[in-house]
Amino acid sequence: MNMGFIGGRIREAIRASLRVARHYTREIAIALVLAVVAAILIDRYYKWVGTETMLNNRKAVATLTTLDAKGRAIAQGTGFFITNNGVLVTAYHVLKGAATIRAHLPSGAYYVFKDLRAADEKADIAVLQFDATDTPSVKALGDSDKLRVGDEVYAIGTPAGLEGTVSPGSISNPVQEIGGRSYIQFTAPISPGSSGGGLFDTDGEVIGITAALVAAPEAENLNLAVPINIYRSVLAGTASQLTRGSPELYYSLGNLADNKKDWDEAIHDYQKAIALDPSYLNAYAGLGGDYFEKRQFALEVANYLKATEIDPKDAESFYWLGTAYEDTGNFNDAVAAYVTALKIEPDHMMALHDLAVLYLAEGKVDDARELLPRISKLDPGWGNKLERLLERMK
């Protein structure tokens, strides 16, 4: 505590109290002065305790970096540890497409991802287990049902890569309905990278998980958090219907099995996701990739084909279908799939690349040449290689 500052506050309060105390007896005057001093000390003490709690919570808020199966960084978000043995909470959308995750604390500590304990995309829930026995943890989970308009709060996260950022604000609306879901609307500033961080009340308890900021013309600090009470059963480690019945959970487990190159386990998880949601496009794509690894190319084609049927406007599914047709030696269908992908997404570089190679392999030099300007614009290096190949094939 800043004792010099407190001493100044006390002296000012005593002077003011003495001016008032002139109208009372000596005993009452002394009691009045002591009461004022005690009130200032108590107020300052609680503010100091609140600051200490905030600093301890800050130690438990981690920067998350997600990586694909090849170890390339995908995105950055935030999460916070709720136990000292490495259980961390974040928003599900932070993990989308990730094969693994790294956690970094302001102290400099790094933790290795171990397992996914729970996940639900629709509720934006993810509970992760890191390989650790000594993680700091937030003070406690609060009660989001008790929030009121105007309550003071603060958010801790990693906005735009700035680790351990603390932002104060207040509750604008404790129950804001958007798209059929309930959020906490608050004014504490957040930015991309903050998602998955903690929203805390003045007692230092987590009352929400920062989820999104609303981009609106001439509007600021329209920020949203998922109420902590939606998370409570999952965070407590109890198996809820939300966890057991989630196709997103099994899809995420399939991704993790892929990362371990356990293709059979991944297939099992993707099939469980599809059993719960027969239109789960990403699960079919996951199966296609695993059947490729197992050299079961007919099944690879079947699953990518199903993905294109679910969403005929998904260029990525048509691209992977083209690669699957190539694996079976069905080159005409592969060309058709690549052409469809490019109709949906004209700048799909991999579809352009593979289609050009396929044209060259089949001696269709003019068709390959038509792709050259688009390829050169997107990737000059590959454009130069393709141009040299075309010159040689003259």
Protein backbone atom coordinates (compact mmCIF):
# COMPACT_ATOMS: atom_id res chain seq x y z
CA MET A 1 0.00 0.00 0.00
CA ASN A 2 1.11 3.61 -0.62
CA MET A 3 1.35 4.80 3.02
CA GLY A 4 2.28 8.37 2.02
CA PHE A 5 -0.89 8.67 -0.02
CA ILE A 6 -2.99 7.20 2.80
CA GLY A 7 -1.37 9.56 5.31
CA GLY A 8 -2.32 12.54 3.15
CA ARG A 9 -5.90 11.31 2.87
CA ILE A 10 -6.11 10.87 6.64
CA ARG A 11 -4.77 14.36 7.35
CA GLU A 12 -7.32 15.90 5.00
CA ALA A 13 -10.14 13.87 6.57
CA ILE A 14 -9.07 14.84 10.10
CA ARG A 15 -9.09 18.55 9.21
CA ALA A 16 -12.58 18.22 7.75
CA SER A 17 -13.76 16.20 10.74
CA LEU A 18 -12.37 18.73 13.21
CA ARG A 19 -14.28 21.54 11.52
CA VAL A 20 -17.50 19.55 11.97
CA ALA A 21 -16.56 18.34 15.47
CA ARG A 22 -16.46 21.88 16.91
CA HIS A 23 -20.22 21.66 17.30
CA TYR A 24 -20.08 18.49 19.46
CA THR A 25 -18.72 17.43 22.84
CA ARG A 26 -15.09 16.34 23.12
CA GLU A 27 -15.96 12.61 23.29
CA ILE A 28 -18.27 12.76 20.27
CA ALA A 29 -15.73 14.78 18.32
CA ILE A 30 -12.97 12.21 18.95
CA ALA A 31 -15.29 9.36 17.99
CA LEU A 32 -16.25 11.19 14.77
CA VAL A 33 -12.63 11.74 13.78
CA LEU A 34 -11.71 8.09 14.50
CA ALA A 35 -14.70 6.84 12.50
CA VAL A 36 -13.68 8.87 9.47
CA VAL A 37 -10.09 7.63 9.68
CA ALA A 38 -11.26 4.01 10.04
CA ALA A 39 -13.57 4.35 7.05
CA ILE A 40 -10.72 5.61 4.86
CA LEU A 41 -8.38 2.85 6.00
CA ILE A 42 -10.99 0.14 5.42
CA ASP A 43 -11.87 1.49 1.96
CA ARG A 44 -8.20 1.70 1.00
CA TYR A 45 -7.57 -1.81 2.39
CA TYR A 46 -10.31 -3.37 0.27
CA LYS A 47 -9.04 -1.57 -2.81
CA TRP A 48 -5.57 -2.94 -2.09
CA VAL A 49 -6.95 -6.47 -1.60
CA GLY A 50 -8.86 -6.12 -4.90
CA THR A 51 -5.68 -5.08 -6.68
CA GLU A 52 -3.76 -8.03 -5.25
CA THR A 53 -6.54 -10.40 -6.36
CA MET A 54 -6.49 -8.90 -9.84
CA LEU A 55 -2.70 -9.35 -10.06
CA ASN A 56 -3.02 -12.99 -8.95
CA ASN A 57 -5.77 -13.59 -11.53
CA ARG A 58 -3.53 -12.03 -14.18
CA LYS A 59 -0.87 -14.66 -13.41
CA ALA A 60 -3.40 -17.39 -14.32
CA VAL A 61 -4.47 -15.95 -17.69
CA ALA A 62 -2.54 -17.57 -20.54
CA THR A 63 -1.83 -16.65 -24.13
CA LEU A 64 -2.85 -19.52 -26.40
CA THR A 65 -1.22 -20.23 -29.75
CA THR A 66 -2.91 -22.82 -31.97
CA LEU A 67 -0.96 -24.91 -34.48
CA ASP A 68 -1.95 -27.08 -37.43
CA ALA A 69 -0.83 -30.66 -37.98
CA LYS A 70 2.43 -29.43 -39.56
CA GLY A 71 3.27 -27.23 -36.57
CA ARG A 72 2.38 -23.96 -38.27
CA ALA A 73 0.74 -21.22 -36.18
CA ILE A 74 -2.94 -20.68 -37.00
CA ALA A 75 -4.23 -18.15 -34.49
CA GLN A 76 -3.71 -16.56 -31.08
CA GLY A 77 -6.26 -16.36 -28.29
CA THR A 78 -6.58 -16.39 -24.52
CA GLY A 79 -7.52 -18.85 -21.78
CA PHE A 80 -7.31 -19.06 -18.00
CA PHE A 81 -6.34 -21.81 -15.60
CA ILE A 82 -8.99 -22.84 -13.06
CA THR A 83 -6.91 -25.41 -11.16
CA ASN A 84 -3.26 -25.77 -10.21
CA ASN A 85 -2.93 -29.01 -12.19
CA GLY A 86 -3.28 -27.51 -15.66
CA VAL A 87 -7.04 -27.35 -16.38
CA LEU A 88 -7.68 -24.35 -18.61
CA VAL A 89 -10.87 -22.79 -19.97
CA THR A 90 -11.21 -20.93 -23.26
CA ALA A 91 -13.69 -20.27 -26.05
CA TYR A 92 -14.15 -23.12 -28.52
CA HIS A 93 -13.73 -20.88 -31.57
CA VAL A 94 -10.15 -20.16 -30.47
CA LEU A 95 -9.30 -23.83 -31.17
CA LYS A 96 -10.98 -24.30 -34.55
CA GLY A 97 -8.71 -26.15 -36.96
CA ALA A 98 -6.00 -26.70 -34.34
CA ALA A 99 -4.05 -29.92 -34.03
CA THR A 100 -2.33 -28.74 -30.86
CA ILE A 101 -2.15 -25.72 -28.55
CA ARG A 102 0.56 -23.94 -26.59
CA ALA A 103 -0.08 -21.95 -23.41
CA HIS A 104 2.21 -19.15 -22.24
CA LEU A 105 1.88 -17.22 -18.97
CA PRO A 106 3.09 -13.68 -18.17
CA SER A 107 5.67 -15.29 -15.86
CA GLY A 108 7.33 -16.81 -18.93
CA ALA A 109 6.16 -20.36 -18.23
CA TYR A 110 5.15 -22.54 -21.20
CA TYR A 111 2.82 -25.52 -20.96
CA VAL A 112 2.29 -28.41 -23.37
CA PHE A 113 -1.25 -29.39 -24.35
CA LYS A 114 -2.19 -32.86 -23.14
CA ASP A 115 -5.88 -33.56 -23.69
CA LEU A 116 -9.30 -32.11 -24.45
CA ARG A 117 -11.63 -32.51 -21.48
CA ALA A 118 -14.78 -31.00 -22.99
CA ALA A 119 -15.83 -29.06 -26.07
CA ASP A 120 -19.01 -27.71 -27.58
CA GLU A 121 -18.94 -25.46 -30.61
CA LYS A 122 -22.53 -24.19 -30.32
CA ALA A 123 -22.03 -23.12 -26.72
CA ASP A 124 -18.45 -21.94 -27.48
CA ILE A 125 -17.03 -24.09 -24.68
CA ALA A 126 -13.61 -25.70 -24.45
CA VAL A 127 -11.90 -27.13 -21.37
CA LEU A 128 -8.31 -28.23 -21.93
CA GLN A 129 -5.84 -30.26 -19.89
CA PHE A 130 -2.21 -29.17 -20.00
CA ASP A 131 0.71 -31.26 -18.80
CA ALA A 132 1.34 -29.38 -15.55
CA THR A 133 1.17 -29.68 -11.78
CA ASP A 134 2.00 -26.12 -10.75
CA THR A 135 -0.18 -23.70 -12.71
CA PRO A 136 -1.53 -20.59 -10.99
CA SER A 137 -5.33 -20.44 -11.00
CA VAL A 138 -7.99 -17.74 -10.90
CA LYS A 139 -9.61 -16.97 -7.54
CA ALA A 140 -12.99 -18.64 -8.11
CA LEU A 141 -16.02 -18.93 -10.37
CA GLY A 142 -18.65 -16.31 -9.66
CA ASP A 143 -22.40 -16.23 -10.23
CA SER A 144 -23.36 -14.50 -13.49
CA ASP A 145 -27.05 -14.59 -12.56
CA LYS A 146 -26.42 -11.96 -9.88
CA LEU A 147 -24.96 -9.34 -12.23
CA ARG A 148 -26.62 -5.93 -12.45
CA VAL A 149 -26.37 -3.05 -14.89
CA GLY A 150 -23.51 -0.79 -13.85
CA ASP A 151 -21.54 -3.42 -11.89
CA GLU A 152 -17.80 -2.82 -12.25
CA VAL A 153 -15.82 -5.56 -14.01
CA TYR A 154 -12.44 -6.07 -15.62
CA ALA A 155 -11.24 -8.28 -18.47
CA ILE A 156 -7.83 -9.95 -18.69
CA GLY A 157 -6.55 -11.26 -22.00
CA THR A 158 -4.06 -10.99 -24.84
CA PRO A 159 -5.55 -8.44 -27.27
CA ALA A 160 -3.51 -8.11 -30.46
CA GLY A 161 -0.74 -10.17 -28.85
CA LEU A 162 -0.33 -7.86 -25.82
CA GLU A 163 -0.02 -10.40 -23.02
CA GLY A 164 -1.62 -9.89 -19.60
CA THR A 165 -3.67 -6.83 -20.58
CA VAL A 166 -6.15 -5.71 -17.88
CA SER A 167 -9.12 -3.61 -19.04
CA PRO A 168 -11.65 -2.08 -16.60
CA GLY A 169 -15.30 -1.45 -17.46
CA SER A 170 -18.85 -2.10 -16.35
CA ILE A 171 -21.88 -4.24 -17.14
CA SER A 172 -24.06 -2.71 -19.86
CA ASN A 173 -26.59 -5.55 -19.96
CA PRO A 174 -26.26 -8.76 -17.91
CA VAL A 175 -28.56 -10.69 -20.29
CA GLN A 176 -28.14 -9.61 -23.91
CA GLU A 177 -29.94 -11.92 -26.34
CA ILE A 178 -28.19 -12.30 -29.72
CA GLY A 179 -29.01 -15.03 -32.21
CA GLY A 180 -30.95 -17.05 -29.67
CA ARG A 181 -28.08 -17.05 -27.17
CA SER A 182 -27.54 -15.09 -23.97
CA TYR A 183 -24.42 -12.99 -23.44
CA ILE A 184 -23.12 -10.52 -20.90
CA GLN A 185 -22.64 -7.13 -22.57
CA PHE A 186 -19.86 -5.07 -20.98
CA THR A 187 -17.69 -2.01 -21.71
CA ALA A 188 -14.18 -3.23 -20.77
CA PRO A 189 -12.22 -2.94 -24.05
CA ILE A 190 -11.25 -6.17 -25.83
CA SER A 191 -9.69 -6.82 -29.24
CA PRO A 192 -8.90 -9.81 -31.48
CA GLY A 193 -6.78 -12.15 -29.39
CA SER A 194 -8.81 -11.52 -26.22
CA SER A 195 -11.28 -14.31 -26.97
CA GLY A 196 -11.35 -16.97 -24.28
CA GLY A 197 -10.08 -14.66 -21.55
CA GLY A 198 -11.74 -14.01 -18.21
CA LEU A 199 -14.28 -11.36 -17.27
CA PHE A 200 -14.02 -10.72 -13.50
CA ASP A 201 -16.13 -8.92 -10.93
CA THR A 202 -14.67 -6.64 -8.24
CA ASP A 203 -14.23 -9.62 -5.91
CA GLY A 204 -11.96 -11.20 -8.50
CA GLU A 205 -14.33 -14.02 -9.41
CA VAL A 206 -14.83 -15.09 -13.03
CA ILE A 207 -18.32 -14.17 -14.20
CA GLY A 208 -17.86 -14.62 -17.95
CA ILE A 209 -15.64 -15.76 -20.80
CA THR A 210 -14.84 -13.01 -23.29
CA ALA A 211 -16.27 -14.07 -26.62
CA ALA A 212 -16.60 -11.25 -29.13
CA LEU A 213 -16.72 -7.56 -29.80
CA VAL A 214 -19.53 -6.08 -31.84
CA ALA A 215 -18.30 -4.07 -34.82
CA ALA A 216 -20.84 -1.28 -35.39
CA PRO A 217 -20.45 2.11 -37.09
CA GLU A 218 -19.64 4.88 -34.61
CA ALA A 219 -19.93 2.45 -31.69
CA GLU A 220 -17.30 1.47 -29.13
CA ASN A 221 -16.97 -1.05 -26.34
CA LEU A 222 -19.89 -3.24 -27.40
CA ASN A 223 -18.31 -6.38 -26.03
CA LEU A 224 -19.77 -9.78 -25.18
CA ALA A 225 -18.95 -12.62 -22.81
CA VAL A 226 -20.55 -16.01 -22.31
CA PRO A 227 -22.02 -16.14 -18.76
CA ILE A 228 -19.97 -18.33 -16.45
CA ASN A 229 -23.08 -20.17 -15.27
CA ILE A 230 -23.36 -21.75 -18.73
CA TYR A 231 -19.89 -23.19 -18.18
CA ARG A 232 -20.17 -24.22 -14.56
CA SER A 233 -21.07 -27.91 -14.98
CA VAL A 234 -18.35 -28.40 -17.59
CA LEU A 235 -15.76 -26.46 -15.61
CA ALA A 236 -16.52 -28.50 -12.51
CA GLY A 237 -15.57 -31.61 -14.47
CA THR A 238 -19.05 -33.14 -14.32
CA ALA A 239 -20.33 -34.86 -17.45
CA SER A 240 -23.36 -32.90 -18.62
CA GLN A 241 -25.65 -33.63 -21.52
CA LEU A 242 -23.97 -30.72 -23.24
CA THR A 243 -20.64 -32.54 -23.12
CA ARG A 244 -21.82 -36.09 -23.77
CA GLY A 245 -24.09 -35.17 -26.67
CA SER A 246 -21.73 -32.85 -28.52
CA PRO A 247 -20.61 -33.82 -32.04
CA GLU A 248 -18.05 -31.02 -31.78
CA LEU A 249 -16.39 -32.85 -28.90
CA TYR A 250 -15.86 -35.98 -31.00
CA TYR A 251 -14.72 -33.94 -33.99
CA SER A 252 -12.11 -32.23 -31.79
CA LEU A 253 -11.00 -35.59 -30.43
CA GLY A 254 -10.62 -36.77 -34.02
CA ASN A 255 -8.34 -33.83 -34.75
CA LEU A 256 -6.20 -34.71 -31.75
CA ALA A 257 -6.00 -38.36 -32.80
CA ASP A 258 -4.91 -37.21 -36.27
CA ASN A 259 -2.14 -35.19 -34.65
CA LYS A 260 -0.93 -38.40 -32.99
CA LYS A 261 -1.28 -40.24 -36.34
CA ASP A 262 -3.73 -42.64 -34.72
CA TRP A 263 -5.90 -42.94 -37.84
CA ASP A 264 -8.19 -45.66 -36.47
CA GLU A 265 -9.00 -43.69 -33.33
CA ALA A 266 -9.59 -40.56 -35.43
CA ILE A 267 -11.97 -42.47 -37.73
CA HIS A 268 -13.84 -43.75 -34.68
CA ASP A 269 -14.22 -40.21 -33.27
CA TYR A 270 -15.33 -38.68 -36.59
CA GLN A 271 -17.91 -41.44 -37.04
CA LYS A 272 -19.30 -40.72 -33.57
CA ALA A 273 -19.58 -37.03 -34.50
CA ILE A 274 -21.46 -37.96 -37.68
CA ALA A 275 -23.75 -40.32 -35.76
CA LEU A 276 -24.83 -37.32 -33.66
CA ASP A 277 -24.92 -34.89 -36.60
CA PRO A 278 -25.20 -36.56 -40.06
CA SER A 279 -24.58 -33.21 -41.78
CA TYR A 280 -21.26 -32.51 -40.04
CA LEU A 281 -19.19 -31.55 -43.10
CA ASN A 282 -15.85 -31.22 -41.30
CA ALA A 283 -16.17 -34.72 -39.84
CA TYR A 284 -16.58 -36.19 -43.33
CA ALA A 285 -13.52 -34.22 -44.45
CA GLY A 286 -11.61 -35.63 -41.47
CA LEU A 287 -12.61 -39.17 -42.47
CA GLY A 288 -11.47 -38.52 -46.04
CA GLY A 289 -8.02 -37.53 -44.82
CA ASP A 290 -7.72 -40.55 -42.56
CA TYR A 291 -8.79 -43.01 -45.27
CA PHE A 292 -6.13 -41.46 -47.50
CA GLU A 293 -3.53 -42.18 -44.80
CA LYS A 294 -4.77 -45.79 -44.64
CA ARG A 295 -4.64 -46.01 -48.47
CA GLN A 296 -8.36 -46.79 -48.62
CA PHE A 297 -8.94 -44.46 -51.54
CA ALA A 298 -12.50 -45.51 -52.40
CA LEU A 299 -13.58 -44.55 -48.88
CA GLU A 300 -11.57 -41.34 -49.20
CA VAL A 301 -13.58 -40.41 -52.29
CA ALA A 302 -16.90 -41.39 -50.69
CA ASN A 303 -16.40 -39.10 -47.69
CA TYR A 304 -15.18 -36.07 -49.62
CA LEU A 305 -18.09 -36.58 -52.02
CA LYS A 306 -20.47 -36.55 -49.05
CA ALA A 307 -18.90 -33.29 -47.87
CA THR A 308 -19.60 -31.66 -51.26
CA GLU A 309 -23.19 -32.87 -51.12
CA ILE A 310 -23.68 -31.29 -47.70
CA ASP A 311 -22.33 -27.93 -48.90
CA PRO A 312 -22.17 -27.57 -52.70
CA LYS A 313 -20.59 -24.12 -52.25
CA ASP A 314 -17.58 -25.23 -50.22
CA ALA A 315 -14.53 -24.91 -52.48
CA GLU A 316 -12.27 -26.72 -50.02
CA SER A 317 -14.39 -29.89 -50.15
CA PHE A 318 -14.28 -29.95 -53.94
CA TYR A 319 -10.52 -29.44 -53.90
CA TRP A 320 -9.98 -32.42 -51.59
CA LEU A 321 -12.43 -34.46 -53.65
CA GLY A 322 -10.21 -33.75 -56.66
CA THR A 323 -7.15 -35.06 -54.83
CA ALA A 324 -9.10 -38.17 -53.84
CA TYR A 325 -10.11 -38.83 -57.45
CA GLU A 326 -6.44 -38.53 -58.43
CA ASP A 327 -5.60 -41.14 -55.77
CA THR A 328 -8.01 -43.56 -57.48
CA GLY A 329 -6.66 -42.71 -60.95
CA ASN A 330 -9.93 -41.07 -61.98
CA PHE A 331 -8.35 -38.02 -63.60
CA ASN A 332 -11.38 -36.74 -65.53
CA ASP A 333 -13.42 -36.50 -62.32
CA ALA A 334 -10.43 -34.91 -60.59
CA VAL A 335 -10.35 -32.18 -63.27
CA ALA A 336 -14.08 -31.62 -62.86
CA ALA A 337 -13.73 -31.30 -59.08
CA TYR A 338 -10.86 -28.78 -59.37
CA VAL A 339 -12.80 -26.75 -61.94
CA THR A 340 -15.82 -26.65 -59.62
CA ALA A 341 -13.63 -25.53 -56.71
CA LEU A 342 -12.29 -22.68 -58.85
CA LYS A 343 -15.78 -21.62 -59.91
CA ILE A 344 -16.62 -21.21 -56.23
CA GLU A 345 -13.27 -19.68 -55.23
CA PRO A 346 -11.34 -18.44 -58.31
CA ASP A 347 -8.17 -17.75 -56.30
CA HIS A 348 -7.93 -21.18 -54.64
CA MET A 349 -4.19 -21.57 -55.14
CA MET A 350 -3.95 -25.30 -54.46
CA ALA A 351 -6.77 -26.08 -56.90
CA LEU A 352 -5.04 -23.95 -59.55
CA HIS A 353 -1.72 -25.67 -58.85
CA ASP A 354 -3.06 -29.24 -58.97
CA LEU A 355 -5.25 -28.57 -62.00
CA ALA A 356 -2.28 -27.14 -63.91
CA VAL A 357 -0.13 -30.17 -63.03
CA LEU A 358 -2.92 -32.51 -64.10
CA TYR A 359 -3.33 -30.68 -67.43
CA LEU A 360 0.41 -30.94 -68.06
CA ALA A 361 0.41 -34.65 -67.17
CA GLU A 362 -2.34 -35.21 -69.74
CA GLY A 363 -0.59 -33.08 -72.37
CA LYS A 364 -3.24 -30.33 -72.29
CA VAL A 365 -0.72 -27.54 -72.67
CA ASP A 366 -3.20 -24.89 -73.82
CA ASP A 367 -5.48 -25.55 -70.85
CA ALA A 368 -2.53 -25.23 -68.48
CA ARG A 369 -1.42 -22.01 -70.23
CA GLU A 370 -4.83 -20.43 -69.58
CA LEU A 371 -4.21 -20.83 -65.87
CA LEU A 372 -0.77 -19.19 -66.00
CA PRO A 373 -1.82 -15.51 -65.47
CA ARG A 374 -3.90 -16.34 -62.39
CA ILE A 375 -1.18 -18.54 -60.92
CA SER A 376 1.55 -15.96 -61.58
CA LYS A 377 -0.49 -13.27 -59.86
CA LEU A 378 -1.08 -15.37 -56.74
CA ASP A 379 2.32 -17.08 -56.59
CA PRO A 380 5.01 -15.60 -58.89
CA GLY A 381 7.47 -18.36 -57.99
CA TRP A 382 5.17 -21.17 -59.08
CA GLY A 383 4.13 -19.07 -62.08
CA ASN A 384 7.75 -18.92 -63.25
CA LYS A 385 8.14 -22.69 -62.86
CA LEU A 386 4.94 -23.35 -64.78
CA GLU A 387 6.02 -20.97 -67.56
CA ARG A 388 9.35 -22.82 -67.96
CA LEU A 389 7.53 -26.16 -68.08
CA LEU A 390 5.20 -24.86 -70.76
CA GLU A 391 8.15 -23.63 -72.83
CA ARG A 392 9.82 -27.05 -72.64
CA MET A 393 6.62 -28.81 -73.66
CA LYS A 394 6.44 -26.80 -76.88
